[in-house]
N, C-alpha and C. Protein backbone atom coordinates (compact mmCIF):
# COMPACT_ATOMS: atom_id res chain seq x y z
N MET A 1 37.96 -19.44 14.73
CA MET A 1 37.86 -21.01 14.20
C MET A 1 37.99 -21.29 12.70
N LYS A 2 37.51 -20.79 11.79
CA LYS A 2 37.10 -20.91 10.59
C LYS A 2 37.96 -21.72 10.14
N LYS A 3 39.19 -20.21 10.03
CA LYS A 3 40.25 -20.31 9.19
C LYS A 3 41.27 -21.49 9.55
N GLU A 4 41.47 -21.81 10.50
CA GLU A 4 41.61 -23.12 11.46
C GLU A 4 41.69 -24.03 11.04
N VAL A 5 40.10 -24.57 11.14
CA VAL A 5 40.48 -25.43 10.86
C VAL A 5 40.43 -26.04 8.90
N LYS A 6 39.90 -24.76 7.67
CA LYS A 6 40.33 -24.88 6.95
C LYS A 6 41.71 -24.86 6.77
N GLU A 7 42.34 -24.64 7.47
CA GLU A 7 44.13 -25.06 6.98
C GLU A 7 44.52 -26.98 8.03
N LEU A 8 43.41 -27.04 8.44
CA LEU A 8 44.07 -28.34 9.01
C LEU A 8 43.46 -29.32 7.67
N LYS A 9 41.86 -29.30 7.13
CA LYS A 9 42.00 -29.77 6.47
C LYS A 9 42.63 -29.87 5.02
N GLN A 10 43.54 -29.05 4.78
CA GLN A 10 44.58 -28.65 3.65
C GLN A 10 45.64 -29.48 4.76
N LYS A 11 46.22 -29.99 5.18
CA LYS A 11 47.56 -31.52 5.39
C LYS A 11 46.99 -32.06 5.24
N THR A 12 47.91 -33.14 4.76
CA THR A 12 48.31 -34.53 4.81
C THR A 12 47.36 -34.93 6.09
N ILE A 13 47.06 -36.67 5.72
CA ILE A 13 46.33 -37.18 6.77
C ILE A 13 48.04 -37.29 8.36
N LYS A 14 49.47 -37.92 7.77
CA LYS A 14 50.42 -38.11 8.49
C LYS A 14 50.64 -36.66 9.66
N GLU A 15 50.69 -35.59 8.71
CA GLU A 15 50.62 -34.64 9.04
C GLU A 15 49.83 -34.15 10.46
N ILE A 16 49.07 -34.75 10.30
CA ILE A 16 47.55 -34.35 11.89
C ILE A 16 47.73 -35.51 12.51
N GLU A 17 48.47 -36.05 12.40
CA GLU A 17 48.87 -37.38 12.91
C GLU A 17 50.17 -37.02 13.97
N LYS A 18 50.40 -36.81 13.04
CA LYS A 18 51.90 -35.83 14.06
C LYS A 18 51.31 -35.60 14.27
N GLU A 19 50.55 -34.16 14.36
CA GLU A 19 50.58 -33.03 15.07
C GLU A 19 49.22 -33.24 16.23
N ILE A 20 48.47 -34.92 16.39
CA ILE A 20 48.32 -34.77 17.39
C ILE A 20 48.48 -35.51 18.59
N SER A 21 50.01 -35.97 18.25
CA SER A 21 51.16 -37.31 19.05
C SER A 21 51.23 -35.82 19.87
N ASN A 22 51.76 -34.77 18.98
CA ASN A 22 52.60 -33.41 20.00
C ASN A 22 51.86 -33.13 20.50
N LEU A 23 50.38 -32.72 20.29
CA LEU A 23 49.43 -32.22 21.12
C LEU A 23 49.31 -33.03 22.58
N ARG A 24 49.42 -34.66 21.91
CA ARG A 24 49.24 -34.79 23.55
C ARG A 24 50.37 -34.91 24.20
N GLN A 25 51.13 -35.00 23.43
CA GLN A 25 52.20 -35.12 24.30
C GLN A 25 52.12 -34.09 26.49
N GLU A 26 52.02 -32.86 24.70
CA GLU A 26 51.68 -31.36 25.33
C GLU A 26 50.58 -31.40 26.20
N ILE A 27 49.87 -31.56 26.78
CA ILE A 27 48.54 -31.32 27.52
C ILE A 27 49.18 -32.38 28.88
N ALA A 28 49.65 -34.39 28.27
CA ALA A 28 50.86 -34.46 29.20
C ALA A 28 50.83 -33.57 30.26
N LYS A 29 52.02 -33.05 29.61
CA LYS A 29 52.79 -32.07 30.73
C LYS A 29 52.42 -30.81 31.28
N LEU A 30 51.47 -30.61 30.58
CA LEU A 30 50.91 -28.96 30.90
C LEU A 30 49.82 -29.53 32.35
N LYS A 31 49.45 -30.33 32.01
CA LYS A 31 48.91 -31.78 33.75
C LYS A 31 49.62 -31.47 34.39
N ILE A 32 50.61 -31.73 34.49
CA ILE A 32 51.77 -32.89 34.97
C ILE A 32 52.25 -30.81 36.08
N GLU A 33 52.32 -29.84 35.22
CA GLU A 33 52.84 -28.36 35.62
C GLU A 33 51.22 -27.74 36.74
N THR A 34 50.54 -27.66 35.38
CA THR A 34 49.46 -27.31 36.54
C THR A 34 49.61 -27.40 38.27
N LYS A 35 49.61 -28.71 38.40
CA LYS A 35 49.50 -29.82 39.92
C LYS A 35 50.69 -29.05 40.32
N VAL A 36 51.70 -28.22 39.66
CA VAL A 36 52.94 -28.53 40.48
C VAL A 36 52.49 -26.64 40.99
N ASN A 37 52.88 -25.57 39.15
CA ASN A 37 52.58 -24.42 40.14
C ASN A 37 51.57 -23.84 38.55
N PRO A 38 50.37 -23.13 39.03
CA PRO A 38 49.68 -22.79 38.58
C PRO A 38 49.89 -22.20 37.25
N PRO A 39 49.82 -22.23 36.35
CA PRO A 39 50.05 -21.02 35.12
C PRO A 39 48.89 -19.77 35.54
N LYS A 40 49.58 -18.82 34.55
CA LYS A 40 49.14 -17.38 34.40
C LYS A 40 47.31 -17.65 33.15
N ASP A 41 48.63 -18.39 32.49
CA ASP A 41 46.63 -18.84 31.50
C ASP A 41 46.00 -19.41 31.66
N THR A 42 44.94 -20.03 32.68
CA THR A 42 44.24 -20.68 33.59
C THR A 42 43.87 -21.41 31.61
N ASN A 43 43.42 -21.24 30.97
CA ASN A 43 42.55 -21.28 30.03
C ASN A 43 43.73 -22.19 28.73
N LEU A 44 44.79 -22.25 29.18
CA LEU A 44 45.39 -22.98 27.86
C LEU A 44 45.21 -24.51 27.61
N LEU A 45 45.14 -25.43 28.76
CA LEU A 45 44.39 -26.88 29.10
C LEU A 45 43.61 -26.83 28.26
N ARG A 46 42.38 -26.35 28.50
CA ARG A 46 41.08 -26.48 27.77
C ARG A 46 41.73 -25.49 25.91
N LYS A 47 42.33 -25.12 26.17
CA LYS A 47 42.09 -24.69 24.60
C LYS A 47 42.61 -25.44 23.57
N LYS A 48 44.08 -26.18 24.64
CA LYS A 48 44.63 -27.36 23.68
C LYS A 48 43.83 -28.43 23.80
N LYS A 49 43.14 -29.20 24.35
CA LYS A 49 41.99 -30.03 24.50
C LYS A 49 41.28 -29.68 22.76
N LYS A 50 40.35 -28.19 22.79
CA LYS A 50 39.46 -28.49 21.94
C LYS A 50 40.39 -28.22 20.63
N LYS A 51 41.76 -28.00 20.30
CA LYS A 51 42.59 -27.83 19.30
C LYS A 51 42.71 -29.46 19.33
N LEU A 52 42.89 -30.34 20.05
CA LEU A 52 42.81 -31.78 20.09
C LEU A 52 41.62 -32.39 19.52
N GLY A 53 40.10 -31.95 19.53
CA GLY A 53 39.49 -32.17 19.14
C GLY A 53 39.16 -32.21 17.79
N ARG A 54 39.41 -30.36 17.06
CA ARG A 54 38.96 -30.07 15.86
C ARG A 54 40.33 -31.00 15.17
N LEU A 55 41.41 -31.53 15.41
CA LEU A 55 42.34 -31.99 14.91
C LEU A 55 41.90 -33.47 14.17
N LEU A 56 40.90 -34.07 15.73
CA LEU A 56 40.86 -35.38 15.88
C LEU A 56 39.46 -35.95 14.26
N THR A 57 39.07 -34.80 14.92
CA THR A 57 37.96 -34.41 13.71
C THR A 57 38.03 -33.97 12.36
N VAL A 58 38.59 -33.71 12.09
CA VAL A 58 39.42 -33.64 11.76
C VAL A 58 40.08 -34.58 10.39
N LEU A 59 40.58 -35.71 11.09
CA LEU A 59 41.17 -36.92 10.75
C LEU A 59 40.31 -37.92 10.41
N THR A 60 39.13 -37.84 11.18
CA THR A 60 38.22 -38.70 10.58
C THR A 60 37.58 -38.78 9.30
N GLU A 61 37.33 -37.13 9.22
CA GLU A 61 36.51 -36.42 7.95
C GLU A 61 38.33 -37.48 6.79
N LYS A 62 39.35 -36.43 6.95
CA LYS A 62 39.60 -37.12 6.20
C LYS A 62 39.74 -38.71 5.65
N LYS A 63 39.97 -39.70 6.46
CA LYS A 63 39.22 -41.21 6.79
C LYS A 63 38.53 -41.65 5.74
N GLU A 64 37.20 -40.73 6.15
CA GLU A 64 36.63 -41.60 5.78
C GLU A 64 36.44 -40.82 4.18
N GLU A 65 36.95 -39.67 3.82
CA GLU A 65 37.25 -39.34 2.26
C GLU A 65 37.92 -40.75 1.08
N GLU A 66 38.57 -40.66 2.33
CA GLU A 66 39.82 -41.68 1.57
C GLU A 66 38.30 -43.08 1.12
N LYS A 67 38.16 -43.88 2.42
CA LYS A 67 37.32 -44.58 1.38
C LYS A 67 36.21 -44.48 1.10
N LEU A 68 35.83 -43.36 0.85
CA LEU A 68 34.78 -43.20 -0.06
C LEU A 68 35.29 -43.43 -1.45
N LYS A 69 36.92 -42.34 -1.98
CA LYS A 69 37.42 -42.57 -2.88
C LYS A 69 37.74 -43.87 -3.08
N VAL A 70 37.86 -45.29 -2.14
CA VAL A 70 38.00 -45.82 -2.67
C VAL A 70 37.28 -46.82 -3.56
N LYS A 71 36.40 -46.60 -2.88
CA LYS A 71 34.67 -47.49 -3.66
C LYS A 71 34.45 -47.07 -4.43
């Protein structure tokens, strides 16, 4: 997980925002699909939500860093 966070921190804010929107769409599709037919990997939705949380955290950190650099 540390490697994943390091990789995320190297991305730009726009790349992270794009990935967040894609992940939100995937989560919405997964929620619908799990209602219709349960997936083999029942943890998939949980993993995607955790990844979304990591992305949002890194995005917030980057925005805070930019605020400090501007001042």
